[in-house]
C-alpha atoms as a PDB file:
ATOM      1  CA  MET A   1      -5.060  22.024  12.426  1.00  0.00           C
ATOM      2  CA  PRO A   2      -3.128  23.226  15.248  1.00  0.00           C
ATOM      3  CA  ALA A   3      -5.027  23.986  18.932  1.00  0.00           C
ATOM      4  CA  THR A   4      -6.027  27.893  19.704  1.00  0.00           C
ATOM      5  CA  GLY A   5      -5.537  27.014  23.221  1.00  0.00           C
ATOM      6  CA  LYS A   6      -5.277  24.183  25.791  1.00  0.00           C
ATOM      7  CA  GLU A   7      -8.938  23.946  26.097  1.00  0.00           C
ATOM      8  CA  ALA A   8      -9.200  22.549  22.504  1.00  0.00           C
ATOM      9  CA  TYR A   9      -7.426  19.368  23.640  1.00  0.00           C
ATOM     10  CA  THR A  10     -10.254  17.348  23.604  1.00  0.00           C
ATOM     11  CA  ALA A  11     -11.079  13.460  24.366  1.00  0.00           C
ATOM     12  CA  LEU A  12     -11.434  13.072  20.424  1.00  0.00           C
ATOM     13  CA  ARG A  13      -8.234  15.275  19.706  1.00  0.00           C
ATOM     14  CA  GLY A  14      -5.908  12.937  22.084  1.00  0.00           C
ATOM     15  CA  ARG A  15      -7.187  10.026  19.942  1.00  0.00           C
ATOM     16  CA  LEU A  16      -6.707  11.380  16.836  1.00  0.00           C
ATOM     17  CA  ILE A  17      -2.974  12.654  17.704  1.00  0.00           C
ATOM     18  CA  LEU A  18      -2.340   9.339  19.674  1.00  0.00           C
ATOM     19  CA  THR A  19      -3.608   7.335  16.065  1.00  0.00           C
ATOM     20  CA  ASN A  20      -2.449   9.704  13.244  1.00  0.00           C
ATOM     21  CA  GLY A  21       0.369  11.394  15.258  1.00  0.00           C
ATOM     22  CA  TYR A  22       0.942  14.997  16.258  1.00  0.00           C
ATOM     23  CA  CYS A  23       1.256  17.818  13.364  1.00  0.00           C
ATOM     24  CA  ALA A  24       2.307  21.384  14.241  1.00  0.00           C
ATOM     25  CA  GLY A  25       1.736  22.038  10.419  1.00  0.00           C
ATOM     26  CA  GLY A  26       3.479  21.657   6.723  1.00  0.00           C
ATOM     27  CA  CYS A  27       2.794  18.169   6.968  1.00  0.00           C
ATOM     28  CA  ALA A  28       0.836  18.107   3.548  1.00  0.00           C
ATOM     29  CA  GLU A  29       3.837  20.079   1.284  1.00  0.00           C
ATOM     30  CA  ARG A  30       5.795  17.361   3.172  1.00  0.00           C
ATOM     31  CA  ARG A  31       3.606  14.520   2.294  1.00  0.00           C
ATOM     32  CA  ALA A  32       3.136  15.768  -1.533  1.00  0.00           C
ATOM     33  CA  GLU A  33       7.043  16.268  -1.762  1.00  0.00           C
ATOM     34  CA  GLU A  34       7.851  13.198  -1.040  1.00  0.00           C
ATOM     35  CA  GLN A  35       5.148  11.256  -3.254  1.00  0.00           C
ATOM     36  CA  ALA A  36       6.900  13.520  -6.190  1.00  0.00           C
ATOM     37  CA  GLN A  37      10.232  11.747  -5.111  1.00  0.00           C
ATOM     38  CA  GLN A  38       8.612   8.342  -5.237  1.00  0.00           C
ATOM     39  CA  GLN A  39       7.581   9.086  -8.398  1.00  0.00           C
ATOM     40  CA  THR A  40      10.811  10.133  -9.665  1.00  0.00           C
ATOM     41  CA  GLN A  41      12.368   7.352  -8.568  1.00  0.00           C
ATOM     42  CA  GLN A  42      10.212   4.672  -9.837  1.00  0.00           C
ATOM     43  CA  MET A  43      10.534   6.261 -13.026  1.00  0.00           C
ATOM     44  CA  ALA A  44      14.242   6.254 -13.060  1.00  0.00           C
ATOM     45  CA  ARG A  45      14.383   2.691 -11.649  1.00  0.00           C
ATOM     46  CA  PRO A  46      11.439   0.303 -13.023  1.00  0.00           C
ATOM     47  CA  GLU A  47      10.478  -2.614 -11.834  1.00  0.00           C
ATOM     48  CA  PRO A  48      10.992  -6.121 -13.354  1.00  0.00           C
ATOM     49  CA  ALA A  49       8.726  -7.646 -15.573  1.00  0.00           C
ATOM     50  CA  PRO A  50       7.002 -11.040 -13.568  1.00  0.00           C
ATOM     51  CA  ALA A  51       8.591 -14.302 -14.393  1.00  0.00           C
ATOM     52  CA  PRO A  52       6.786 -16.410 -16.855  1.00  0.00           C
ATOM     53  CA  VAL A  53       4.860 -19.166 -15.401  1.00  0.00           C
ATOM     54  CA  ALA A  54       5.506 -22.412 -17.060  1.00  0.00           C
ATOM     55  CA  PRO A  55       2.221 -24.328 -18.607  1.00  0.00           C
ATOM     56  CA  VAL A  56       0.833 -27.316 -15.856  1.00  0.00           C
ATOM     57  CA  GLN A  57       1.178 -30.512 -17.412  1.00  0.00           C
ATOM     58  CA  VAL A  58      -2.133 -32.649 -16.884  1.00  0.00           C
ATOM     59  CA  PRO A  59      -1.800 -36.680 -17.075  1.00  0.00           C
ATOM     60  CA  VAL A  60      -3.535 -38.335 -19.579  1.00  0.00           C
ATOM     61  CA  ARG A  61      -5.605 -41.134 -18.678  1.00  0.00           C
ATOM     62  CA  THR A  62      -7.025 -43.627 -20.333  1.00  0.00           C
ATOM     63  CA  PRO A  63     -10.598 -44.109 -21.261  1.00  0.00           C
ATOM     64  CA  LEU A  64     -11.770 -47.356 -19.039  1.00  0.00           C
ATOM     65  CA  ARG A  65     -12.828 -50.336 -20.930  1.00  0.00           C
ATOM     66  CA  VAL A  66     -15.970 -51.743 -20.119  1.00  0.00           C
ATOM     67  CA  VAL A  67     -16.100 -55.641 -19.854  1.00  0.00           C
ATOM     68  CA  ARG A  68     -19.464 -57.619 -19.720  1.00  0.00           C
END
């Protein structure tokens, strides 16, 4: 939300501007438009399927013989 005057710029507002950036308005509309474009691009360019995982081969051990 734009400030109504210079007295509206408090320390908290300054911190928000530093962490999130300053916006003079219209950000929500631009963000919605960017998201719509990204969704359209993802639909047009599907992601490749993950490569199949090879099964792990476990060595077979021979049973121990008990010698008495």
